[in-house]
PDB file of all heavy atoms in Angstrom:
ATOM      1  N   VAL A   1      29.243 -15.262   8.211  1.00  0.00           N
ATOM      2  CA  VAL A   1      28.160 -15.024   7.260  1.00  0.00           C
ATOM      3  C   VAL A   1      27.803 -13.545   7.260  1.00  0.00           C
ATOM      4  O   VAL A   1      27.356 -13.018   8.292  1.00  0.00           O
ATOM      5  CB  VAL A   1      26.923 -15.865   7.613  1.00  0.00           C
ATOM      6  CG1 VAL A   1      25.815 -15.643   6.589  1.00  0.00           C
ATOM      7  CG2 VAL A   1      27.290 -17.341   7.695  1.00  0.00           C
ATOM      8  N   PRO A   2      27.973 -12.833   6.142  1.00  0.00           N
ATOM      9  CA  PRO A   2      27.610 -11.409   6.095  1.00  0.00           C
ATOM     10  C   PRO A   2      26.097 -11.233   6.144  1.00  0.00           C
ATOM     11  O   PRO A   2      25.337 -12.148   5.801  1.00  0.00           O
ATOM     12  CB  PRO A   2      28.184 -10.936   4.758  1.00  0.00           C
ATOM     13  CG  PRO A   2      28.261 -12.176   3.921  1.00  0.00           C
ATOM     14  CD  PRO A   2      28.550 -13.304   4.870  1.00  0.00           C
ATOM     15  N   ILE A   3      25.669 -10.053   6.534  1.00  0.00           N
ATOM     16  CA  ILE A   3      24.244  -9.819   6.730  1.00  0.00           C
ATOM     17  C   ILE A   3      23.486  -9.882   5.403  1.00  0.00           C
ATOM     18  O   ILE A   3      22.320 -10.322   5.367  1.00  0.00           O
ATOM     19  CB  ILE A   3      24.012  -8.458   7.437  1.00  0.00           C
ATOM     20  CG1 ILE A   3      22.538  -8.331   7.858  1.00  0.00           C
ATOM     21  CG2 ILE A   3      24.426  -7.310   6.541  1.00  0.00           C
ATOM     22  CD1 ILE A   3      22.093  -9.390   8.828  1.00  0.00           C
ATOM     23  N   TRP A   4      24.116  -9.480   4.291  1.00  0.00           N
ATOM     24  CA  TRP A   4      23.411  -9.533   3.008  1.00  0.00           C
ATOM     25  C   TRP A   4      23.087 -10.974   2.631  1.00  0.00           C
ATOM     26  O   TRP A   4      22.033 -11.257   2.054  1.00  0.00           O
ATOM     27  CB  TRP A   4      24.221  -8.855   1.912  1.00  0.00           C
ATOM     28  CG  TRP A   4      25.549  -9.508   1.593  1.00  0.00           C
ATOM     29  CD1 TRP A   4      26.774  -9.163   2.080  1.00  0.00           C
ATOM     30  CD2 TRP A   4      25.766 -10.623   0.713  1.00  0.00           C
ATOM     31  NE1 TRP A   4      27.750  -9.986   1.579  1.00  0.00           N
ATOM     32  CE2 TRP A   4      27.159 -10.900   0.722  1.00  0.00           C
ATOM     33  CE3 TRP A   4      24.942 -11.410  -0.074  1.00  0.00           C
ATOM     34  CZ2 TRP A   4      27.746 -11.918  -0.008  1.00  0.00           C
ATOM     35  CZ3 TRP A   4      25.505 -12.445  -0.820  1.00  0.00           C
ATOM     36  CH2 TRP A   4      26.891 -12.689  -0.783  1.00  0.00           C
ATOM     37  N   LEU A   5      23.989 -11.909   2.984  1.00  0.00           N
ATOM     38  CA  LEU A   5      23.724 -13.306   2.699  1.00  0.00           C
ATOM     39  C   LEU A   5      22.615 -13.835   3.616  1.00  0.00           C
ATOM     40  O   LEU A   5      21.744 -14.594   3.167  1.00  0.00           O
ATOM     41  CB  LEU A   5      24.997 -14.128   2.879  1.00  0.00           C
ATOM     42  CG  LEU A   5      24.865 -15.639   2.608  1.00  0.00           C
ATOM     43  CD1 LEU A   5      24.360 -15.888   1.191  1.00  0.00           C
ATOM     44  CD2 LEU A   5      26.216 -16.334   2.839  1.00  0.00           C
ATOM     45  N   SER A   6      22.633 -13.427   4.874  1.00  0.00           N
ATOM     46  CA  SER A   6      21.580 -13.834   5.809  1.00  0.00           C
ATOM     47  C   SER A   6      20.219 -13.361   5.318  1.00  0.00           C
ATOM     48  O   SER A   6      19.245 -14.120   5.310  1.00  0.00           O
ATOM     49  CB  SER A   6      21.859 -13.272   7.207  1.00  0.00           C
ATOM     50  OG  SER A   6      23.065 -13.761   7.726  1.00  0.00           O
ATOM     51  N   LEU A   7      20.150 -12.084   4.926  1.00  0.00           N
ATOM     52  CA  LEU A   7      18.887 -11.525   4.439  1.00  0.00           C
ATOM     53  C   LEU A   7      18.424 -12.265   3.187  1.00  0.00           C
ATOM     54  O   LEU A   7      17.232 -12.591   3.049  1.00  0.00           O
ATOM     55  CB  LEU A   7      19.065 -10.037   4.144  1.00  0.00           C
ATOM     56  CG  LEU A   7      17.822  -9.272   3.687  1.00  0.00           C
ATOM     57  CD1 LEU A   7      16.706  -9.377   4.719  1.00  0.00           C
ATOM     58  CD2 LEU A   7      18.170  -7.808   3.423  1.00  0.00           C
ATOM     59  N   GLY A   8      19.345 -12.570   2.278  1.00  0.00           N
ATOM     60  CA  GLY A   8      18.976 -13.291   1.068  1.00  0.00           C
ATOM     61  C   GLY A   8      18.465 -14.691   1.357  1.00  0.00           C
ATOM     62  O   GLY A   8      17.480 -15.148   0.760  1.00  0.00           O
ATOM     63  N   VAL A   9      19.115 -15.388   2.270  1.00  0.00           N
ATOM     64  CA  VAL A   9      18.685 -16.739   2.632  1.00  0.00           C
ATOM     65  C   VAL A   9      17.296 -16.710   3.261  1.00  0.00           C
ATOM     66  O   VAL A   9      16.439 -17.552   2.954  1.00  0.00           O
ATOM     67  CB  VAL A   9      19.707 -17.388   3.594  1.00  0.00           C
ATOM     68  CG1 VAL A   9      19.139 -18.673   4.211  1.00  0.00           C
ATOM     69  CG2 VAL A   9      21.007 -17.694   2.862  1.00  0.00           C
ATOM     70  N   ILE A  10      17.049 -15.747   4.144  1.00  0.00           N
ATOM     71  CA  ILE A  10      15.749 -15.654   4.815  1.00  0.00           C
ATOM     72  C   ILE A  10      14.640 -15.379   3.801  1.00  0.00           C
ATOM     73  O   ILE A  10      13.599 -16.051   3.795  1.00  0.00           O
ATOM     74  CB  ILE A  10      15.792 -14.564   5.897  1.00  0.00           C
ATOM     75  CG1 ILE A  10      16.721 -14.987   7.041  1.00  0.00           C
ATOM     76  CG2 ILE A  10      14.385 -14.285   6.445  1.00  0.00           C
ATOM     77  CD1 ILE A  10      17.033 -13.874   8.017  1.00  0.00           C
ATOM     78  N   VAL A  11      14.852 -14.389   2.925  1.00  0.00           N
ATOM     79  CA  VAL A  11      13.834 -14.040   1.930  1.00  0.00           C
ATOM     80  C   VAL A  11      13.584 -15.215   0.989  1.00  0.00           C
ATOM     81  O   VAL A  11      12.428 -15.568   0.703  1.00  0.00           O
ATOM     82  CB  VAL A  11      14.258 -12.786   1.138  1.00  0.00           C
ATOM     83  CG1 VAL A  11      13.306 -12.541  -0.030  1.00  0.00           C
ATOM     84  CG2 VAL A  11      14.292 -11.567   2.054  1.00  0.00           C
ATOM     85  N   ALA A  12      14.653 -15.843   0.503  1.00  0.00           N
ATOM     86  CA  ALA A  12      14.507 -16.964  -0.421  1.00  0.00           C
ATOM     87  C   ALA A  12      13.788 -18.136   0.235  1.00  0.00           C
ATOM     88  O   ALA A  12      12.922 -18.778  -0.377  1.00  0.00           O
ATOM     89  CB  ALA A  12      15.880 -17.399  -0.937  1.00  0.00           C
ATOM     90  N   THR A  13      14.128 -18.418   1.478  1.00  0.00           N
ATOM     91  CA  THR A  13      13.491 -19.534   2.187  1.00  0.00           C
ATOM     92  C   THR A  13      12.001 -19.293   2.378  1.00  0.00           C
ATOM     93  O   THR A  13      11.178 -20.194   2.153  1.00  0.00           O
ATOM     94  CB  THR A  13      14.160 -19.753   3.560  1.00  0.00           C
ATOM     95  OG1 THR A  13      15.555 -20.016   3.369  1.00  0.00           O
ATOM     96  CG2 THR A  13      13.520 -20.926   4.291  1.00  0.00           C
ATOM     97  N   LEU A  14      11.634 -18.087   2.773  1.00  0.00           N
ATOM     98  CA  LEU A  14      10.218 -17.773   2.970  1.00  0.00           C
ATOM     99  C   LEU A  14       9.454 -17.831   1.648  1.00  0.00           C
ATOM    100  O   LEU A  14       8.316 -18.319   1.606  1.00  0.00           O
ATOM    101  CB  LEU A  14      10.074 -16.388   3.601  1.00  0.00           C
ATOM    102  CG  LEU A  14      10.603 -16.250   5.031  1.00  0.00           C
ATOM    103  CD1 LEU A  14      10.473 -14.816   5.514  1.00  0.00           C
ATOM    104  CD2 LEU A  14       9.851 -17.182   5.975  1.00  0.00           C
ATOM    105  N   LEU A  15      10.079 -17.351   0.575  1.00  0.00           N
ATOM    106  CA  LEU A  15       9.420 -17.378  -0.727  1.00  0.00           C
ATOM    107  C   LEU A  15       9.211 -18.812  -1.210  1.00  0.00           C
ATOM    108  O   LEU A  15       8.107 -19.190  -1.623  1.00  0.00           O
ATOM    109  CB  LEU A  15      10.257 -16.598  -1.743  1.00  0.00           C
ATOM    110  CG  LEU A  15       9.677 -16.469  -3.160  1.00  0.00           C
ATOM    111  CD1 LEU A  15       8.349 -15.732  -3.120  1.00  0.00           C
ATOM    112  CD2 LEU A  15      10.660 -15.741  -4.070  1.00  0.00           C
ATOM    113  N   VAL A  16      10.257 -19.630  -1.139  1.00  0.00           N
ATOM    114  CA  VAL A  16      10.147 -21.030  -1.567  1.00  0.00           C
ATOM    115  C   VAL A  16       9.159 -21.785  -0.701  1.00  0.00           C
ATOM    116  O   VAL A  16       8.349 -22.583  -1.199  1.00  0.00           O
ATOM    117  CB  VAL A  16      11.535 -21.705  -1.536  1.00  0.00           C
ATOM    118  CG1 VAL A  16      11.413 -23.208  -1.751  1.00  0.00           C
ATOM    119  CG2 VAL A  16      12.453 -21.095  -2.587  1.00  0.00           C
ATOM    120  N   THR A  17       9.195 -21.528   0.614  1.00  0.00           N
ATOM    121  CA  THR A  17       8.282 -22.205   1.539  1.00  0.00           C
ATOM    122  C   THR A  17       6.829 -21.887   1.219  1.00  0.00           C
ATOM    123  O   THR A  17       5.975 -22.779   1.166  1.00  0.00           O
ATOM    124  CB  THR A  17       8.599 -21.794   2.987  1.00  0.00           C
ATOM    125  OG1 THR A  17       9.922 -22.222   3.321  1.00  0.00           O
ATOM    126  CG2 THR A  17       7.607 -22.420   3.948  1.00  0.00           C
ATOM    127  N   THR A  18       6.537 -20.606   0.997  1.00  0.00           N
ATOM    128  CA  THR A  18       5.161 -20.197   0.719  1.00  0.00           C
ATOM    129  C   THR A  18       4.662 -20.761  -0.609  1.00  0.00           C
ATOM    130  O   THR A  18       3.576 -21.348  -0.679  1.00  0.00           O
ATOM    131  CB  THR A  18       5.055 -18.661   0.703  1.00  0.00           C
ATOM    132  OG1 THR A  18       5.500 -18.139   1.962  1.00  0.00           O
ATOM    133  CG2 THR A  18       3.623 -18.227   0.452  1.00  0.00           C
ATOM    134  N   LEU A  19       5.453 -20.589  -1.661  1.00  0.00           N
ATOM    135  CA  LEU A  19       5.029 -21.082  -2.967  1.00  0.00           C
ATOM    136  C   LEU A  19       4.917 -22.605  -2.976  1.00  0.00           C
ATOM    137  O   LEU A  19       3.967 -23.171  -3.530  1.00  0.00           O
ATOM    138  CB  LEU A  19       6.022 -20.626  -4.044  1.00  0.00           C
ATOM    139  CG  LEU A  19       6.099 -19.110  -4.286  1.00  0.00           C
ATOM    140  CD1 LEU A  19       7.141 -18.782  -5.343  1.00  0.00           C
ATOM    141  CD2 LEU A  19       4.740 -18.558  -4.699  1.00  0.00           C
ATOM    142  N   GLY A  20       5.880 -23.279  -2.349  1.00  0.00           N
ATOM    143  CA  GLY A  20       5.829 -24.731  -2.283  1.00  0.00           C
ATOM    144  C   GLY A  20       4.637 -25.232  -1.490  1.00  0.00           C
ATOM    145  O   GLY A  20       4.001 -26.226  -1.862  1.00  0.00           O
ATOM    146  N   SER A  21       4.299 -24.527  -0.392  1.00  0.00           N
ATOM    147  CA  SER A  21       3.150 -24.919   0.427  1.00  0.00           C
ATOM    148  C   SER A  21       1.849 -24.803  -0.344  1.00  0.00           C
ATOM    149  O   SER A  21       1.001 -25.705  -0.325  1.00  0.00           O
ATOM    150  CB  SER A  21       3.088 -24.061   1.691  1.00  0.00           C
ATOM    151  OG  SER A  21       4.205 -24.275   2.521  1.00  0.00           O
ATOM    152  N   LEU A  22       1.673 -23.677  -1.021  1.00  0.00           N
ATOM    153  CA  LEU A  22       0.438 -23.462  -1.775  1.00  0.00           C
ATOM    154  C   LEU A  22       0.309 -24.468  -2.925  1.00  0.00           C
ATOM    155  O   LEU A  22      -0.786 -24.971  -3.201  1.00  0.00           O
ATOM    156  CB  LEU A  22       0.393 -22.029  -2.304  1.00  0.00           C
ATOM    157  CG  LEU A  22       0.343 -20.935  -1.229  1.00  0.00           C
ATOM    158  CD1 LEU A  22       0.349 -19.553  -1.876  1.00  0.00           C
ATOM    159  CD2 LEU A  22      -0.874 -21.094  -0.332  1.00  0.00           C
ATOM    160  N   ALA A  23       1.440 -24.776  -3.582  1.00  0.00           N
ATOM    161  CA  ALA A  23       1.400 -25.768  -4.657  1.00  0.00           C
ATOM    162  C   ALA A  23       1.067 -27.151  -4.115  1.00  0.00           C
ATOM    163  O   ALA A  23       0.278 -27.891  -4.712  1.00  0.00           O
ATOM    164  CB  ALA A  23       2.747 -25.790  -5.384  1.00  0.00           C
ATOM    165  N   LYS A  24       1.650 -27.513  -2.977  1.00  0.00           N
ATOM    166  CA  LYS A  24       1.378 -28.810  -2.365  1.00  0.00           C
ATOM    167  C   LYS A  24      -0.076 -28.916  -1.942  1.00  0.00           C
ATOM    168  O   LYS A  24      -0.733 -29.947  -2.158  1.00  0.00           O
ATOM    169  CB  LYS A  24       2.291 -28.980  -1.153  1.00  0.00           C
ATOM    170  CG  LYS A  24       2.050 -30.255  -0.339  1.00  0.00           C
ATOM    171  CD  LYS A  24       2.408 -31.503  -1.102  1.00  0.00           C
ATOM    172  CE  LYS A  24       2.312 -32.727  -0.204  1.00  0.00           C
ATOM    173  NZ  LYS A  24       2.612 -33.983  -0.937  1.00  0.00           N
ATOM    174  N   ALA A  25      -0.611 -27.857  -1.331  1.00  0.00           N
ATOM    175  CA  ALA A  25      -2.005 -27.873  -0.894  1.00  0.00           C
ATOM    176  C   ALA A  25      -2.959 -27.978  -2.077  1.00  0.00           C
ATOM    177  O   ALA A  25      -4.022 -28.598  -1.976  1.00  0.00           O
ATOM    178  CB  ALA A  25      -2.312 -26.619  -0.077  1.00  0.00           C
ATOM    179  N   ARG A  26      -2.576 -27.393  -3.206  1.00  0.00           N
ATOM    180  CA  ARG A  26      -3.426 -27.462  -4.397  1.00  0.00           C
ATOM    181  C   ARG A  26      -3.416 -28.871  -4.996  1.00  0.00           C
ATOM    182  O   ARG A  26      -4.450 -29.384  -5.418  1.00  0.00           O
ATOM    183  CB  ARG A  26      -2.953 -26.440  -5.437  1.00  0.00           C
ATOM    184  CG  ARG A  26      -3.912 -26.284  -6.612  1.00  0.00           C
ATOM    185  CD  ARG A  26      -3.399 -25.282  -7.619  1.00  0.00           C
ATOM    186  NE  ARG A  26      -3.150 -23.983  -7.001  1.00  0.00           N
ATOM    187  CZ  ARG A  26      -1.944 -23.450  -6.833  1.00  0.00           C
ATOM    188  NH1 ARG A  26      -0.871 -24.118  -7.228  1.00  0.00           N
ATOM    189  NH2 ARG A  26      -1.796 -22.269  -6.272  1.00  0.00           N
ATOM    190  N   ARG A  27      -2.235 -29.496  -5.013  1.00  0.00           N
ATOM    191  CA  ARG A  27      -2.121 -30.838  -5.600  1.00  0.00           C
ATOM    192  C   ARG A  27      -2.645 -31.928  -4.675  1.00  0.00           C
ATOM    193  O   ARG A  27      -3.211 -32.918  -5.118  1.00  0.00           O
ATOM    194  CB  ARG A  27      -0.656 -31.146  -5.937  1.00  0.00           C
ATOM    195  CG  ARG A  27      -0.065 -30.307  -7.054  1.00  0.00           C
ATOM    196  CD  ARG A  27       1.237 -30.925  -7.535  1.00  0.00           C
ATOM    197  NE  ARG A  27       2.115 -31.253  -6.411  1.00  0.00           N
ATOM    198  CZ  ARG A  27       3.046 -30.443  -5.917  1.00  0.00           C
ATOM    199  NH1 ARG A  27       3.196 -29.249  -6.449  1.00  0.00           N
ATOM    200  NH2 ARG A  27       3.799 -30.806  -4.916  1.00  0.00           N
ATOM    201  N   ASP A  28      -2.428 -31.730  -3.367  1.00  0.00           N
ATOM    202  CA  ASP A  28      -2.762 -32.776  -2.394  1.00  0.00           C
ATOM    203  C   ASP A  28      -3.541 -32.165  -1.237  1.00  0.00           C
ATOM    204  O   ASP A  28      -2.950 -31.784  -0.214  1.00  0.00           O
ATOM    205  CB  ASP A  28      -1.480 -33.438  -1.891  1.00  0.00           C
ATOM    206  CG  ASP A  28      -1.748 -34.578  -0.922  1.00  0.00           C
ATOM    207  OD1 ASP A  28      -2.919 -35.014  -0.837  1.00  0.00           O
ATOM    208  OD2 ASP A  28      -0.791 -35.034  -0.268  1.00  0.00           O
ATOM    209  N   PRO A  29      -4.864 -32.053  -1.346  1.00  0.00           N
ATOM    210  CA  PRO A  29      -5.667 -31.443  -0.268  1.00  0.00           C
ATOM    211  C   PRO A  29      -5.519 -32.163   1.062  1.00  0.00           C
ATOM    212  O   PRO A  29      -5.677 -31.542   2.122  1.00  0.00           O
ATOM    213  CB  PRO A  29      -7.102 -31.548  -0.802  1.00  0.00           C
ATOM    214  CG  PRO A  29      -6.954 -31.659  -2.285  1.00  0.00           C
ATOM    215  CD  PRO A  29      -5.682 -32.423  -2.510  1.00  0.00           C
TER     216      PRO A  29
END
């Protein structure tokens, strides 16, 4: 796994996790 792919996976995962968490908390307190 090249480092550019690792960096992309990490950034994408954190972004999806954060946005998904906030959306879930808004829909389901």
